[in-house]
Amino acid sequence: MAEKGGFSDKLKGAVSKGKGELKDQVGNATDNQDMQAEGKTDKTKGKFQDTVGKFKDGINKNK
């Protein structure tokens, strides 16, 4: 059965954003540009997942 709402996507988004922020900060502190880039990618992925979750919530609200 498909999930109702976007809670799962929003949760995944929050985890990705948190992980990305940590990688970005560690990469910055250690002057590791690859890790910083990974962190920025994870943060972008998290924002996208959050947006998908909000969209799903909106769809289900209108049913």
PDB file of N, CA and C in Angstrom:
ATOM      1  N   MET A   1       0.844  -1.179   0.000  1.00  0.00           N
ATOM      2  CA  MET A   1       0.000   0.000   0.000  1.00  0.00           C
ATOM      3  C   MET A   1       0.889   1.242   0.000  1.00  0.00           C
ATOM      4  N   ALA A   2       0.549   2.207  -0.812  1.00  0.00           N
ATOM      5  CA  ALA A   2       1.341   3.431  -0.911  1.00  0.00           C
ATOM      6  C   ALA A   2       1.147   4.272   0.347  1.00  0.00           C
ATOM      7  N   GLU A   3       2.210   4.999   0.681  1.00  0.00           N
ATOM      8  CA  GLU A   3       2.124   5.853   1.867  1.00  0.00           C
ATOM      9  C   GLU A   3       1.167   7.005   1.620  1.00  0.00           C
ATOM     10  N   LYS A   4       0.512   7.457   2.658  1.00  0.00           N
ATOM     11  CA  LYS A   4      -0.353   8.623   2.551  1.00  0.00           C
ATOM     12  C   LYS A   4       0.407   9.813   3.091  1.00  0.00           C
ATOM     13  N   GLY A   5       0.385  10.865   2.346  1.00  0.00           N
ATOM     14  CA  GLY A   5       1.089  12.061   2.782  1.00  0.00           C
ATOM     15  C   GLY A   5       2.563  11.967   2.482  1.00  0.00           C
ATOM     16  N   GLY A   6       3.255  13.007   2.838  1.00  0.00           N
ATOM     17  CA  GLY A   6       4.657  13.068   2.512  1.00  0.00           C
ATOM     18  C   GLY A   6       5.579  13.000   3.697  1.00  0.00           C
ATOM     19  N   PHE A   7       5.093  12.475   4.828  1.00  0.00           N
ATOM     20  CA  PHE A   7       5.910  12.444   6.036  1.00  0.00           C
ATOM     21  C   PHE A   7       7.246  11.744   5.793  1.00  0.00           C
ATOM     22  N   SER A   8       7.210  10.605   5.120  1.00  0.00           N
ATOM     23  CA  SER A   8       8.428   9.838   4.877  1.00  0.00           C
ATOM     24  C   SER A   8       9.427  10.652   4.047  1.00  0.00           C
ATOM     25  N   ASP A   9       8.929  11.321   3.028  1.00  0.00           N
ATOM     26  CA  ASP A   9       9.810  12.131   2.190  1.00  0.00           C
ATOM     27  C   ASP A   9      10.373  13.315   2.981  1.00  0.00           C
ATOM     28  N   LYS A  10       9.545  13.921   3.809  1.00  0.00           N
ATOM     29  CA  LYS A  10      10.032  15.050   4.614  1.00  0.00           C
ATOM     30  C   LYS A  10      11.071  14.586   5.626  1.00  0.00           C
ATOM     31  N   LEU A  11      10.881  13.408   6.193  1.00  0.00           N
ATOM     32  CA  LEU A  11      11.852  12.856   7.133  1.00  0.00           C
ATOM     33  C   LEU A  11      13.177  12.561   6.428  1.00  0.00           C
ATOM     34  N   LYS A  12      13.099  11.932   5.252  1.00  0.00           N
ATOM     35  CA  LYS A  12      14.307  11.668   4.469  1.00  0.00           C
ATOM     36  C   LYS A  12      15.009  12.983   4.128  1.00  0.00           C
ATOM     37  N   GLY A  13      14.221  13.992   3.811  1.00  0.00           N
ATOM     38  CA  GLY A  13      14.790  15.298   3.488  1.00  0.00           C
ATOM     39  C   GLY A  13      15.533  15.901   4.658  1.00  0.00           C
ATOM     40  N   ALA A  14      14.955  15.799   5.830  1.00  0.00           N
ATOM     41  CA  ALA A  14      15.602  16.346   7.027  1.00  0.00           C
ATOM     42  C   ALA A  14      16.916  15.615   7.315  1.00  0.00           C
ATOM     43  N   VAL A  15      16.923  14.298   7.139  1.00  0.00           N
ATOM     44  CA  VAL A  15      18.141  13.516   7.361  1.00  0.00           C
ATOM     45  C   VAL A  15      19.206  13.901   6.341  1.00  0.00           C
ATOM     46  N   SER A  16      18.813  14.002   5.083  1.00  0.00           N
ATOM     47  CA  SER A  16      19.772  14.369   4.037  1.00  0.00           C
ATOM     48  C   SER A  16      20.347  15.760   4.268  1.00  0.00           C
ATOM     49  N   LYS A  17      19.478  16.708   4.658  1.00  0.00           N
ATOM     50  CA  LYS A  17      19.964  18.065   4.917  1.00  0.00           C
ATOM     51  C   LYS A  17      20.930  18.081   6.092  1.00  0.00           C
ATOM     52  N   GLY A  18      20.619  17.344   7.142  1.00  0.00           N
ATOM     53  CA  GLY A  18      21.502  17.280   8.308  1.00  0.00           C
ATOM     54  C   GLY A  18      22.839  16.652   7.973  1.00  0.00           C
ATOM     55  N   LYS A  19      22.791  15.547   7.246  1.00  0.00           N
ATOM     56  CA  LYS A  19      24.014  14.867   6.830  1.00  0.00           C
ATOM     57  C   LYS A  19      24.838  15.779   5.926  1.00  0.00           C
ATOM     58  N   GLY A  20      24.159  16.480   5.036  1.00  0.00           N
ATOM     59  CA  GLY A  20      24.845  17.384   4.125  1.00  0.00           C
ATOM     60  C   GLY A  20      25.504  18.539   4.837  1.00  0.00           C
ATOM     61  N   GLU A  21      24.816  19.089   5.830  1.00  0.00           N
ATOM     62  CA  GLU A  21      25.390  20.197   6.600  1.00  0.00           C
ATOM     63  C   GLU A  21      26.637  19.746   7.344  1.00  0.00           C
ATOM     64  N   LEU A  22      26.582  18.555   7.914  1.00  0.00           N
ATOM     65  CA  LEU A  22      27.737  18.011   8.633  1.00  0.00           C
ATOM     66  C   LEU A  22      28.930  17.820   7.689  1.00  0.00           C
ATOM     67  N   LYS A  23      28.682  17.210   6.523  1.00  0.00           N
ATOM     68  CA  LYS A  23      29.761  17.012   5.556  1.00  0.00           C
ATOM     69  C   LYS A  23      30.330  18.347   5.093  1.00  0.00           C
ATOM     70  N   ASP A  24      29.457  19.301   4.846  1.00  0.00           N
ATOM     71  CA  ASP A  24      29.896  20.620   4.388  1.00  0.00           C
ATOM     72  C   ASP A  24      30.792  21.278   5.439  1.00  0.00           C
ATOM     73  N   GLN A  25      30.399  21.214   6.691  1.00  0.00           N
ATOM     74  CA  GLN A  25      31.175  21.833   7.764  1.00  0.00           C
ATOM     75  C   GLN A  25      32.512  21.117   7.986  1.00  0.00           C
ATOM     76  N   VAL A  26      32.500  19.789   7.977  1.00  0.00           N
ATOM     77  CA  VAL A  26      33.741  19.031   8.152  1.00  0.00           C
ATOM     78  C   VAL A  26      34.668  19.299   6.966  1.00  0.00           C
ATOM     79  N   GLY A  27      34.106  19.313   5.771  1.00  0.00           N
ATOM     80  CA  GLY A  27      34.908  19.604   4.593  1.00  0.00           C
ATOM     81  C   GLY A  27      35.519  20.991   4.650  1.00  0.00           C
ATOM     82  N   ASN A  28      34.765  21.935   5.151  1.00  0.00           N
ATOM     83  CA  ASN A  28      35.264  23.299   5.305  1.00  0.00           C
ATOM     84  C   ASN A  28      36.379  23.347   6.343  1.00  0.00           C
ATOM     85  N   ALA A  29      36.191  22.670   7.462  1.00  0.00           N
ATOM     86  CA  ALA A  29      37.176  22.685   8.548  1.00  0.00           C
ATOM     87  C   ALA A  29      38.480  21.984   8.152  1.00  0.00           C
ATOM     88  N   THR A  30      38.372  20.976   7.307  1.00  0.00           N
ATOM     89  CA  THR A  30      39.559  20.206   6.916  1.00  0.00           C
ATOM     90  C   THR A  30      40.068  20.591   5.524  1.00  0.00           C
ATOM     91  N   ASP A  31      39.461  21.612   4.941  1.00  0.00           N
ATOM     92  CA  ASP A  31      39.813  22.079   3.603  1.00  0.00           C
ATOM     93  C   ASP A  31      39.698  20.952   2.578  1.00  0.00           C
ATOM     94  N   ASN A  32      38.643  20.141   2.737  1.00  0.00           N
ATOM     95  CA  ASN A  32      38.372  19.025   1.824  1.00  0.00           C
ATOM     96  C   ASN A  32      37.227  19.451   0.896  1.00  0.00           C
ATOM     97  N   GLN A  33      37.587  19.899  -0.299  1.00  0.00           N
ATOM     98  CA  GLN A  33      36.583  20.416  -1.226  1.00  0.00           C
ATOM     99  C   GLN A  33      35.627  19.338  -1.725  1.00  0.00           C
ATOM    100  N   ASP A  34      36.104  18.104  -1.844  1.00  0.00           N
ATOM    101  CA  ASP A  34      35.222  17.009  -2.273  1.00  0.00           C
ATOM    102  C   ASP A  34      34.122  16.759  -1.244  1.00  0.00           C
ATOM    103  N   MET A  35      34.499  16.773   0.035  1.00  0.00           N
ATOM    104  CA  MET A  35      33.507  16.558   1.083  1.00  0.00           C
ATOM    105  C   MET A  35      32.515  17.725   1.134  1.00  0.00           C
ATOM    106  N   GLN A  36      33.016  18.936   0.945  1.00  0.00           N
ATOM    107  CA  GLN A  36      32.126  20.092   0.908  1.00  0.00           C
ATOM    108  C   GLN A  36      31.115  19.943  -0.227  1.00  0.00           C
ATOM    109  N   ALA A  37      31.582  19.513  -1.393  1.00  0.00           N
ATOM    110  CA  ALA A  37      30.697  19.338  -2.544  1.00  0.00           C
ATOM    111  C   ALA A  37      29.650  18.258  -2.263  1.00  0.00           C
ATOM    112  N   GLU A  38      30.079  17.153  -1.639  1.00  0.00           N
ATOM    113  CA  GLU A  38      29.126  16.104  -1.260  1.00  0.00           C
ATOM    114  C   GLU A  38      28.068  16.658  -0.314  1.00  0.00           C
ATOM    115  N   GLY A  39      28.506  17.466   0.646  1.00  0.00           N
ATOM    116  CA  GLY A  39      27.579  18.057   1.604  1.00  0.00           C
ATOM    117  C   GLY A  39      26.560  18.950   0.932  1.00  0.00           C
ATOM    118  N   LYS A  40      27.017  19.766   0.012  1.00  0.00           N
ATOM    119  CA  LYS A  40      26.097  20.653  -0.714  1.00  0.00           C
ATOM    120  C   LYS A  40      25.108  19.840  -1.549  1.00  0.00           C
ATOM    121  N   THR A  41      25.588  18.733  -2.142  1.00  0.00           N
ATOM    122  CA  THR A  41      24.701  17.864  -2.915  1.00  0.00           C
ATOM    123  C   THR A  41      23.655  17.222  -2.013  1.00  0.00           C
ATOM    124  N   ASP A  42      24.076  16.746  -0.848  1.00  0.00           N
ATOM    125  CA  ASP A  42      23.124  16.137   0.101  1.00  0.00           C
ATOM    126  C   ASP A  42      22.090  17.147   0.567  1.00  0.00           C
ATOM    127  N   LYS A  43      22.522  18.380   0.817  1.00  0.00           N
ATOM    128  CA  LYS A  43      21.567  19.409   1.253  1.00  0.00           C
ATOM    129  C   LYS A  43      20.547  19.704   0.163  1.00  0.00           C
ATOM    130  N   THR A  44      20.999  19.750  -1.080  1.00  0.00           N
ATOM    131  CA  THR A  44      20.079  19.988  -2.199  1.00  0.00           C
ATOM    132  C   THR A  44      19.102  18.824  -2.339  1.00  0.00           C
ATOM    133  N   LYS A  45      19.618  17.601  -2.200  1.00  0.00           N
ATOM    134  CA  LYS A  45      18.762  16.408  -2.252  1.00  0.00           C
ATOM    135  C   LYS A  45      17.706  16.476  -1.149  1.00  0.00           C
ATOM    136  N   GLY A  46      18.126  16.883   0.046  1.00  0.00           N
ATOM    137  CA  GLY A  46      17.197  16.988   1.168  1.00  0.00           C
ATOM    138  C   GLY A  46      16.107  18.014   0.929  1.00  0.00           C
ATOM    139  N   LYS A  47      16.474  19.136   0.339  1.00  0.00           N
ATOM    140  CA  LYS A  47      15.466  20.169   0.034  1.00  0.00           C
ATOM    141  C   LYS A  47      14.460  19.639  -0.976  1.00  0.00           C
ATOM    142  N   PHE A  48      14.953  18.888  -1.963  1.00  0.00           N
ATOM    143  CA  PHE A  48      14.064  18.308  -2.960  1.00  0.00           C
ATOM    144  C   PHE A  48      13.108  17.302  -2.314  1.00  0.00           C
ATOM    145  N   GLN A  49      13.644  16.424  -1.450  1.00  0.00           N
ATOM    146  CA  GLN A  49      12.803  15.435  -0.775  1.00  0.00           C
ATOM    147  C   GLN A  49      11.743  16.116   0.079  1.00  0.00           C
ATOM    148  N   ASP A  50      12.120  17.181   0.748  1.00  0.00           N
ATOM    149  CA  ASP A  50      11.173  17.931   1.571  1.00  0.00           C
ATOM    150  C   ASP A  50      10.059  18.521   0.702  1.00  0.00           C
ATOM    151  N   THR A  51      10.445  19.053  -0.447  1.00  0.00           N
ATOM    152  CA  THR A  51       9.461  19.630  -1.367  1.00  0.00           C
ATOM    153  C   THR A  51       8.493  18.559  -1.868  1.00  0.00           C
ATOM    154  N   VAL A  52       9.011  17.380  -2.185  1.00  0.00           N
ATOM    155  CA  VAL A  52       8.159  16.271  -2.632  1.00  0.00           C
ATOM    156  C   VAL A  52       7.172  15.901  -1.523  1.00  0.00           C
ATOM    157  N   GLY A  53       7.660  15.839  -0.289  1.00  0.00           N
ATOM    158  CA  GLY A  53       6.779  15.514   0.836  1.00  0.00           C
ATOM    159  C   GLY A  53       5.680  16.542   1.017  1.00  0.00           C
ATOM    160  N   LYS A  54       6.021  17.813   0.903  1.00  0.00           N
ATOM    161  CA  LYS A  54       5.012  18.875   1.027  1.00  0.00           C
ATOM    162  C   LYS A  54       4.003  18.793  -0.111  1.00  0.00           C
ATOM    163  N   PHE A  55       4.482  18.476  -1.311  1.00  0.00           N
ATOM    164  CA  PHE A  55       3.594  18.318  -2.453  1.00  0.00           C
ATOM    165  C   PHE A  55       2.605  17.172  -2.209  1.00  0.00           C
ATOM    166  N   LYS A  56       3.115  16.039  -1.724  1.00  0.00           N
ATOM    167  CA  LYS A  56       2.246  14.894  -1.437  1.00  0.00           C
ATOM    168  C   LYS A  56       1.221  15.244  -0.371  1.00  0.00           C
ATOM    169  N   ASP A  57       1.644  15.989   0.644  1.00  0.00           N
ATOM    170  CA  ASP A  57       0.696  16.414   1.676  1.00  0.00           C
ATOM    171  C   ASP A  57      -0.416  17.271   1.066  1.00  0.00           C
ATOM    172  N   GLY A  58      -0.034  18.151   0.162  1.00  0.00           N
ATOM    173  CA  GLY A  58      -1.016  19.017  -0.500  1.00  0.00           C
ATOM    174  C   GLY A  58      -1.991  18.226  -1.355  1.00  0.00           C
ATOM    175  N   ILE A  59      -1.482  17.227  -2.056  1.00  0.00           N
ATOM    176  CA  ILE A  59      -2.334  16.376  -2.901  1.00  0.00           C
ATOM    177  C   ILE A  59      -3.346  15.639  -2.028  1.00  0.00           C
ATOM    178  N   ASN A  60      -2.874  15.054  -0.935  1.00  0.00           N
ATOM    179  CA  ASN A  60      -3.762  14.274  -0.061  1.00  0.00           C
ATOM    180  C   ASN A  60      -4.761  15.159   0.668  1.00  0.00           C
ATOM    181  N   LYS A  61      -4.393  16.400   0.913  1.00  0.00           N
ATOM    182  CA  LYS A  61      -5.309  17.319   1.598  1.00  0.00           C
ATOM    183  C   LYS A  61      -6.508  17.660   0.711  1.00  0.00           C
ATOM    184  N   ASN A  62      -6.272  17.647  -0.604  1.00  0.00           N
ATOM    185  CA  ASN A  62      -7.318  18.021  -1.546  1.00  0.00           C
ATOM    186  C   ASN A  62      -8.204  16.852  -1.953  1.00  0.00           C
ATOM    187  N   LYS A  63      -7.950  15.662  -1.429  1.00  0.00           N
ATOM    188  CA  LYS A  63      -8.764  14.485  -1.786  1.00  0.00           C
ATOM    189  C   LYS A  63     -10.042  14.482  -0.994  1.00  0.00           C
TER     190      LYS A  63
END
